[in-house]
């Protein structure tokens, strides 16, 4: 009697595993088809180029260079 119960349990286990495997395989295929359809009907738009602005002035660049140089000097002073 126990042998038939173990056999039945194995059958149910294999049946359950097969059902889960088939479900996951179908789910993967549906997701792939969904991605294809979405990309076909709703393609991603290319990012727009930012509006051309006036180039930064030389004084702004000079201020940035001065600030960076001062920060490096301060860092080196505290490091040693």
PDB file of N, CA and C in Angstrom:
ATOM      1  N   UNK A   1       0.824  -1.187   0.000  1.00  0.00           N
ATOM      2  CA  UNK A   1       0.000   0.000   0.000  1.00  0.00           C
ATOM      3  C   UNK A   1       0.871   1.255   0.000  1.00  0.00           C
ATOM      4  N   UNK A   2       1.940   1.249   0.771  1.00  0.00           N
ATOM      5  CA  UNK A   2       2.804   2.418   0.818  1.00  0.00           C
ATOM      6  C   UNK A   2       3.480   2.669  -0.518  1.00  0.00           C
ATOM      7  N   UNK A   3       3.773   1.593  -1.236  1.00  0.00           N
ATOM      8  CA  UNK A   3       4.434   1.759  -2.527  1.00  0.00           C
ATOM      9  C   UNK A   3       3.530   2.542  -3.484  1.00  0.00           C
ATOM     10  N   UNK A   4       2.262   2.287  -3.492  1.00  0.00           N
ATOM     11  CA  UNK A   4       1.362   2.996  -4.396  1.00  0.00           C
ATOM     12  C   UNK A   4       1.219   4.460  -3.970  1.00  0.00           C
ATOM     13  N   UNK A   5       1.290   4.732  -2.661  1.00  0.00           N
ATOM     14  CA  UNK A   5       1.215   6.118  -2.203  1.00  0.00           C
ATOM     15  C   UNK A   5       2.455   6.897  -2.633  1.00  0.00           C
ATOM     16  N   UNK A   6       3.604   6.257  -2.542  1.00  0.00           N
ATOM     17  CA  UNK A   6       4.838   6.911  -2.976  1.00  0.00           C
ATOM     18  C   UNK A   6       4.795   7.129  -4.486  1.00  0.00           C
ATOM     19  N   UNK A   7       4.302   6.160  -5.214  1.00  0.00           N
ATOM     20  CA  UNK A   7       4.171   6.292  -6.665  1.00  0.00           C
ATOM     21  C   UNK A   7       3.225   7.419  -7.047  1.00  0.00           C
ATOM     22  N   UNK A   8       2.114   7.498  -6.357  1.00  0.00           N
ATOM     23  CA  UNK A   8       1.155   8.572  -6.613  1.00  0.00           C
ATOM     24  C   UNK A   8       1.781   9.933  -6.286  1.00  0.00           C
ATOM     25  N   UNK A   9       2.530  10.001  -5.197  1.00  0.00           N
ATOM     26  CA  UNK A   9       3.174  11.266  -4.818  1.00  0.00           C
ATOM     27  C   UNK A   9       4.174  11.688  -5.884  1.00  0.00           C
ATOM     28  N   UNK A  10       4.944  10.734  -6.414  1.00  0.00           N
ATOM     29  CA  UNK A  10       5.898  11.055  -7.471  1.00  0.00           C
ATOM     30  C   UNK A  10       5.189  11.532  -8.737  1.00  0.00           C
ATOM     31  N   UNK A  11       4.066  10.879  -9.062  1.00  0.00           N
ATOM     32  CA  UNK A  11       3.299  11.304 -10.238  1.00  0.00           C
ATOM     33  C   UNK A  11       2.810  12.748 -10.082  1.00  0.00           C
ATOM     34  N   UNK A  12       2.261  13.053  -8.905  1.00  0.00           N
ATOM     35  CA  UNK A  12       1.774  14.412  -8.677  1.00  0.00           C
ATOM     36  C   UNK A  12       2.911  15.428  -8.681  1.00  0.00           C
ATOM     37  N   UNK A  13       4.068  15.025  -8.127  1.00  0.00           N
ATOM     38  CA  UNK A  13       5.214  15.921  -8.121  1.00  0.00           C
ATOM     39  C   UNK A  13       5.665  16.208  -9.549  1.00  0.00           C
ATOM     40  N   UNK A  14       5.802  15.183 -10.365  1.00  0.00           N
ATOM     41  CA  UNK A  14       6.225  15.376 -11.750  1.00  0.00           C
ATOM     42  C   UNK A  14       5.191  16.170 -12.543  1.00  0.00           C
ATOM     43  N   UNK A  15       3.918  15.893 -12.309  1.00  0.00           N
ATOM     44  CA  UNK A  15       2.866  16.635 -13.001  1.00  0.00           C
ATOM     45  C   UNK A  15       2.911  18.113 -12.611  1.00  0.00           C
ATOM     46  N   UNK A  16       3.084  18.402 -11.329  1.00  0.00           N
ATOM     47  CA  UNK A  16       3.160  19.787 -10.873  1.00  0.00           C
ATOM     48  C   UNK A  16       4.374  20.493 -11.447  1.00  0.00           C
ATOM     49  N   UNK A  17       5.524  19.824 -11.452  1.00  0.00           N
ATOM     50  CA  UNK A  17       6.732  20.429 -12.003  1.00  0.00           C
ATOM     51  C   UNK A  17       6.576  20.684 -13.502  1.00  0.00           C
ATOM     52  N   UNK A  18       5.940  19.758 -14.212  1.00  0.00           N
ATOM     53  CA  UNK A  18       5.721  19.935 -15.650  1.00  0.00           C
ATOM     54  C   UNK A  18       4.791  21.115 -15.915  1.00  0.00           C
ATOM     55  N   UNK A  19       3.745  21.239 -15.135  1.00  0.00           N
ATOM     56  CA  UNK A  19       2.811  22.349 -15.311  1.00  0.00           C
ATOM     57  C   UNK A  19       3.514  23.685 -15.062  1.00  0.00           C
ATOM     58  N   UNK A  20       4.319  23.766 -14.017  1.00  0.00           N
ATOM     59  CA  UNK A  20       5.046  25.007 -13.722  1.00  0.00           C
ATOM     60  C   UNK A  20       6.036  25.317 -14.837  1.00  0.00           C
ATOM     61  N   UNK A  21       6.749  24.312 -15.330  1.00  0.00           N
ATOM     62  CA  UNK A  21       7.709  24.529 -16.408  1.00  0.00           C
ATOM     63  C   UNK A  21       7.015  25.038 -17.669  1.00  0.00           C
ATOM     64  N   UNK A  22       5.893  24.420 -18.041  1.00  0.00           N
ATOM     65  CA  UNK A  22       5.165  24.854 -19.232  1.00  0.00           C
ATOM     66  C   UNK A  22       4.639  26.271 -19.036  1.00  0.00           C
ATOM     67  N   UNK A  23       4.105  26.569 -17.861  1.00  0.00           N
ATOM     68  CA  UNK A  23       3.605  27.912 -17.588  1.00  0.00           C
ATOM     69  C   UNK A  23       4.712  28.946 -17.725  1.00  0.00           C
ATOM     70  N   UNK A  24       5.895  28.670 -17.166  1.00  0.00           N
ATOM     71  CA  UNK A  24       6.994  29.628 -17.250  1.00  0.00           C
ATOM     72  C   UNK A  24       7.488  29.792 -18.681  1.00  0.00           C
ATOM     73  N   UNK A  25       7.528  28.702 -19.456  1.00  0.00           N
ATOM     74  CA  UNK A  25       7.950  28.789 -20.847  1.00  0.00           C
ATOM     75  C   UNK A  25       6.960  29.640 -21.651  1.00  0.00           C
ATOM     76  N   UNK A  26       5.670  29.445 -21.410  1.00  0.00           N
ATOM     77  CA  UNK A  26       4.657  30.259 -22.094  1.00  0.00           C
ATOM     78  C   UNK A  26       4.776  31.710 -21.665  1.00  0.00           C
ATOM     79  N   UNK A  27       5.009  31.953 -20.393  1.00  0.00           N
ATOM     80  CA  UNK A  27       5.149  33.313 -19.882  1.00  0.00           C
ATOM     81  C   UNK A  27       6.323  34.033 -20.537  1.00  0.00           C
ATOM     82  N   UNK A  28       7.446  33.344 -20.703  1.00  0.00           N
ATOM     83  CA  UNK A  28       8.613  33.954 -21.350  1.00  0.00           C
ATOM     84  C   UNK A  28       8.288  34.317 -22.788  1.00  0.00           C
ATOM     85  N   UNK A  29       7.618  33.430 -23.513  1.00  0.00           N
ATOM     86  CA  UNK A  29       7.274  33.711 -24.901  1.00  0.00           C
ATOM     87  C   UNK A  29       6.295  34.884 -25.011  1.00  0.00           C
ATOM     88  N   UNK A  30       5.311  34.937 -24.136  1.00  0.00           N
ATOM     89  CA  UNK A  30       4.349  36.041 -24.148  1.00  0.00           C
ATOM     90  C   UNK A  30       5.057  37.364 -23.865  1.00  0.00           C
ATOM     91  N   UNK A  31       6.001  37.374 -22.948  1.00  0.00           N
ATOM     92  CA  UNK A  31       6.736  38.602 -22.641  1.00  0.00           C
ATOM     93  C   UNK A  31       7.588  39.044 -23.835  1.00  0.00           C
ATOM     94  N   UNK A  32       8.186  38.091 -24.546  1.00  0.00           N
ATOM     95  CA  UNK A  32       8.969  38.431 -25.738  1.00  0.00           C
ATOM     96  C   UNK A  32       8.065  39.033 -26.816  1.00  0.00           C
ATOM     97  N   UNK A  33       6.904  38.412 -27.041  1.00  0.00           N
ATOM     98  CA  UNK A  33       5.969  38.938 -28.048  1.00  0.00           C
ATOM     99  C   UNK A  33       5.469  40.315 -27.642  1.00  0.00           C
ATOM    100  N   UNK A  34       5.222  40.502 -26.368  1.00  0.00           N
ATOM    101  CA  UNK A  34       4.765  41.803 -25.878  1.00  0.00           C
ATOM    102  C   UNK A  34       5.827  42.867 -26.137  1.00  0.00           C
ATOM    103  N   UNK A  35       7.084  42.546 -25.890  1.00  0.00           N
ATOM    104  CA  UNK A  35       8.161  43.513 -26.131  1.00  0.00           C
ATOM    105  C   UNK A  35       8.245  43.869 -27.611  1.00  0.00           C
ATOM    106  N   UNK A  36       8.082  42.868 -28.479  1.00  0.00           N
ATOM    107  CA  UNK A  36       8.123  43.125 -29.921  1.00  0.00           C
ATOM    108  C   UNK A  36       6.975  44.044 -30.322  1.00  0.00           C
ATOM    109  N   UNK A  37       5.774  43.763 -29.831  1.00  0.00           N
ATOM    110  CA  UNK A  37       4.612  44.587 -30.185  1.00  0.00           C
ATOM    111  C   UNK A  37       4.746  46.009 -29.655  1.00  0.00           C
ATOM    112  N   UNK A  38       5.219  46.142 -28.433  1.00  0.00           N
ATOM    113  CA  UNK A  38       5.369  47.483 -27.860  1.00  0.00           C
ATOM    114  C   UNK A  38       6.396  48.280 -28.644  1.00  0.00           C
ATOM    115  N   UNK A  39       7.525  47.656 -28.993  1.00  0.00           N
ATOM    116  CA  UNK A  39       8.548  48.366 -29.766  1.00  0.00           C
ATOM    117  C   UNK A  39       8.063  48.700 -31.174  1.00  0.00           C
ATOM    118  N   UNK A  40       7.158  47.879 -31.711  1.00  0.00           N
ATOM    119  CA  UNK A  40       6.642  48.137 -33.059  1.00  0.00           C
ATOM    120  C   UNK A  40       5.670  49.319 -33.066  1.00  0.00           C
ATOM    121  N   UNK A  41       4.745  49.337 -32.115  1.00  0.00           N
ATOM    122  CA  UNK A  41       3.711  50.366 -32.124  1.00  0.00           C
ATOM    123  C   UNK A  41       4.049  51.590 -31.278  1.00  0.00           C
ATOM    124  N   UNK A  42       4.968  51.455 -30.350  1.00  0.00           N
ATOM    125  CA  UNK A  42       5.373  52.577 -29.504  1.00  0.00           C
ATOM    126  C   UNK A  42       6.890  52.661 -29.444  1.00  0.00           C
ATOM    127  N   UNK A  43       7.541  53.010 -30.548  1.00  0.00           N
ATOM    128  CA  UNK A  43       9.012  53.060 -30.533  1.00  0.00           C
ATOM    129  C   UNK A  43       9.504  54.186 -29.628  1.00  0.00           C
ATOM    130  N   UNK A  44      10.712  54.010 -29.116  1.00  0.00           N
ATOM    131  CA  UNK A  44      11.295  55.038 -28.264  1.00  0.00           C
ATOM    132  C   UNK A  44      11.699  56.225 -29.120  1.00  0.00           C
ATOM    133  N   UNK A  45      11.420  57.403 -28.603  1.00  0.00           N
ATOM    134  CA  UNK A  45      11.798  58.608 -29.325  1.00  0.00           C
ATOM    135  C   UNK A  45      13.250  58.923 -29.045  1.00  0.00           C
ATOM    136  N   UNK A  46      13.934  59.412 -30.077  1.00  0.00           N
ATOM    137  CA  UNK A  46      15.336  59.803 -29.902  1.00  0.00           C
ATOM    138  C   UNK A  46      15.390  61.037 -29.017  1.00  0.00           C
ATOM    139  N   UNK A  47      16.349  61.112 -28.107  1.00  0.00           N
ATOM    140  CA  UNK A  47      16.434  62.298 -27.249  1.00  0.00           C
ATOM    141  C   UNK A  47      16.744  63.534 -28.086  1.00  0.00           C
ATOM    142  N   UNK A  48      16.045  64.592 -27.746  1.00  0.00           N
ATOM    143  CA  UNK A  48      16.246  65.836 -28.490  1.00  0.00           C
ATOM    144  C   UNK A  48      17.539  66.499 -28.051  1.00  0.00           C
ATOM    145  N   UNK A  49      18.201  67.124 -29.014  1.00  0.00           N
ATOM    146  CA  UNK A  49      19.441  67.836 -28.700  1.00  0.00           C
ATOM    147  C   UNK A  49      19.094  69.094 -27.923  1.00  0.00           C
ATOM    148  N   UNK A  50      19.862  69.426 -26.918  1.00  0.00           N
ATOM    149  CA  UNK A  50      19.568  70.645 -26.154  1.00  0.00           C
ATOM    150  C   UNK A  50      19.754  71.874 -27.037  1.00  0.00           C
ATOM    151  N   UNK A  51      19.001  72.894 -26.713  1.00  0.00           N
ATOM    152  CA  UNK A  51      19.085  74.127 -27.489  1.00  0.00           C
ATOM    153  C   UNK A  51      20.490  74.702 -27.382  1.00  0.00           C
ATOM    154  N   UNK A  52      20.950  75.230 -28.481  1.00  0.00           N
ATOM    155  CA  UNK A  52      22.303  75.806 -28.494  1.00  0.00           C
ATOM    156  C   UNK A  52      22.326  77.049 -27.626  1.00  0.00           C
ATOM    157  N   UNK A  53      23.190  77.040 -26.640  1.00  0.00           N
ATOM    158  CA  UNK A  53      23.317  78.211 -25.771  1.00  0.00           C
ATOM    159  C   UNK A  53      24.641  78.877 -26.068  1.00  0.00           C
ATOM    160  N   UNK A  54      24.755  80.068 -25.575  1.00  0.00           N
ATOM    161  CA  UNK A  54      25.998  80.795 -25.824  1.00  0.00           C
ATOM    162  C   UNK A  54      27.131  80.115 -25.069  1.00  0.00           C
ATOM    163  N   UNK A  55      28.289  80.044 -25.667  1.00  0.00           N
ATOM    164  CA  UNK A  55      29.405  79.386 -24.984  1.00  0.00           C
ATOM    165  C   UNK A  55      29.803  80.172 -23.743  1.00  0.00           C
ATOM    166  N   UNK A  56      30.292  79.469 -22.726  1.00  0.00           N
ATOM    167  CA  UNK A  56      30.673  80.180 -21.504  1.00  0.00           C
ATOM    168  C   UNK A  56      31.808  81.159 -21.795  1.00  0.00           C
ATOM    169  N   UNK A  57      31.784  82.217 -21.072  1.00  0.00           N
ATOM    170  CA  UNK A  57      32.808  83.235 -21.300  1.00  0.00           C
ATOM    171  C   UNK A  57      34.134  82.786 -20.709  1.00  0.00           C
ATOM    172  N   UNK A  58      35.189  83.464 -21.109  1.00  0.00           N
ATOM    173  CA  UNK A  58      36.517  83.123 -20.616  1.00  0.00           C
ATOM    174  C   UNK A  58      36.643  83.407 -19.124  1.00  0.00           C
ATOM    175  N   UNK A  59      35.894  84.387 -18.619  1.00  0.00           N
ATOM    176  CA  UNK A  59      35.988  84.696 -17.190  1.00  0.00           C
ATOM    177  C   UNK A  59      35.398  83.565 -16.362  1.00  0.00           C
ATOM    178  N   UNK A  60      34.333  82.932 -16.870  1.00  0.00           N
ATOM    179  CA  UNK A  60      33.739  81.804 -16.153  1.00  0.00           C
ATOM    180  C   UNK A  60      34.744  80.662 -16.090  1.00  0.00           C
ATOM    181  N   UNK A  61      35.400  80.380 -17.214  1.00  0.00           N
ATOM    182  CA  UNK A  61      36.416  79.329 -17.231  1.00  0.00           C
ATOM    183  C   UNK A  61      37.553  79.668 -16.275  1.00  0.00           C
ATOM    184  N   UNK A  62      37.966  80.915 -16.252  1.00  0.00           N
ATOM    185  CA  UNK A  62      39.050  81.325 -15.369  1.00  0.00           C
ATOM    186  C   UNK A  62      38.652  81.149 -13.906  1.00  0.00           C
ATOM    187  N   UNK A  63      37.396  81.458 -13.585  1.00  0.00           N
ATOM    188  CA  UNK A  63      36.919  81.293 -12.216  1.00  0.00           C
ATOM    189  C   UNK A  63      36.902  79.806 -11.830  1.00  0.00           C
ATOM    190  N   UNK A  64      36.468  78.951 -12.767  1.00  0.00           N
ATOM    191  CA  UNK A  64      36.458  77.515 -12.487  1.00  0.00           C
ATOM    192  C   UNK A  64      37.874  76.990 -12.259  1.00  0.00           C
ATOM    193  N   UNK A  65      38.798  77.385 -13.102  1.00  0.00           N
ATOM    194  CA  UNK A  65      40.182  76.946 -12.955  1.00  0.00           C
ATOM    195  C   UNK A  65      40.753  77.429 -11.627  1.00  0.00           C
ATOM    196  N   UNK A  66      40.465  78.653 -11.250  1.00  0.00           N
ATOM    197  CA  UNK A  66      40.966  79.190  -9.988  1.00  0.00           C
ATOM    198  C   UNK A  66      40.382  78.422  -8.807  1.00  0.00           C
ATOM    199  N   UNK A  67      39.099  78.103  -8.870  1.00  0.00           N
ATOM    200  CA  UNK A  67      38.462  77.374  -7.769  1.00  0.00           C
ATOM    201  C   UNK A  67      39.035  75.966  -7.654  1.00  0.00           C
ATOM    202  N   UNK A  68      39.246  75.314  -8.768  1.00  0.00           N
ATOM    203  CA  UNK A  68      39.810  73.962  -8.750  1.00  0.00           C
ATOM    204  C   UNK A  68      41.241  73.987  -8.220  1.00  0.00           C
ATOM    205  N   UNK A  69      42.022  74.951  -8.672  1.00  0.00           N
ATOM    206  CA  UNK A  69      43.409  75.067  -8.205  1.00  0.00           C
ATOM    207  C   UNK A  69      43.448  75.317  -6.704  1.00  0.00           C
ATOM    208  N   UNK A  70      42.581  76.179  -6.207  1.00  0.00           N
ATOM    209  CA  UNK A  70      42.537  76.459  -4.772  1.00  0.00           C
ATOM    210  C   UNK A  70      42.120  75.210  -3.990  1.00  0.00           C
ATOM    211  N   UNK A  71      41.172  74.449  -4.500  1.00  0.00           N
ATOM    212  CA  UNK A  71      40.719  73.244  -3.811  1.00  0.00           C
ATOM    213  C   UNK A  71      41.832  72.207  -3.751  1.00  0.00           C
ATOM    214  N   UNK A  72      42.582  72.050  -4.835  1.00  0.00           N
ATOM    215  CA  UNK A  72      43.698  71.097  -4.848  1.00  0.00           C
ATOM    216  C   UNK A  72      44.776  71.539  -3.868  1.00  0.00           C
ATOM    217  N   UNK A  73      45.102  72.824  -3.840  1.00  0.00           N
ATOM    218  CA  UNK A  73      46.107  73.330  -2.917  1.00  0.00           C
ATOM    219  C   UNK A  73      45.671  73.112  -1.482  1.00  0.00           C
ATOM    220  N   UNK A  74      44.414  73.352  -1.160  1.00  0.00           N
ATOM    221  CA  UNK A  74      43.909  73.168   0.186  1.00  0.00           C
ATOM    222  C   UNK A  74      43.950  71.689   0.576  1.00  0.00           C
ATOM    223  N   UNK A  75      43.601  70.830  -0.352  1.00  0.00           N
ATOM    224  CA  UNK A  75      43.633  69.386  -0.097  1.00  0.00           C
ATOM    225  C   UNK A  75      45.050  68.914   0.195  1.00  0.00           C
ATOM    226  N   UNK A  76      45.990  69.356  -0.595  1.00  0.00           N
ATOM    227  CA  UNK A  76      47.389  68.965  -0.393  1.00  0.00           C
ATOM    228  C   UNK A  76      47.944  69.509   0.922  1.00  0.00           C
ATOM    229  N   UNK A  77      47.486  70.693   1.324  1.00  0.00           N
ATOM    230  CA  UNK A  77      47.960  71.292   2.554  1.00  0.00           C
ATOM    231  C   UNK A  77      47.481  70.469   3.752  1.00  0.00           C
ATOM    232  N   UNK A  78      46.225  69.998   3.731  1.00  0.00           N
ATOM    233  CA  UNK A  78      45.675  69.225   4.837  1.00  0.00           C
ATOM    234  C   UNK A  78      46.147  67.784   4.813  1.00  0.00           C
ATOM    235  N   UNK A  79      46.518  67.293   3.665  1.00  0.00           N
ATOM    236  CA  UNK A  79      46.935  65.898   3.539  1.00  0.00           C
ATOM    237  C   UNK A  79      48.286  65.670   4.198  1.00  0.00           C
ATOM    238  N   UNK A  80      49.191  66.595   4.071  1.00  0.00           N
ATOM    239  CA  UNK A  80      50.535  66.388   4.610  1.00  0.00           C
ATOM    240  C   UNK A  80      50.737  67.011   5.969  1.00  0.00           C
TER     241      UNK A  80
END
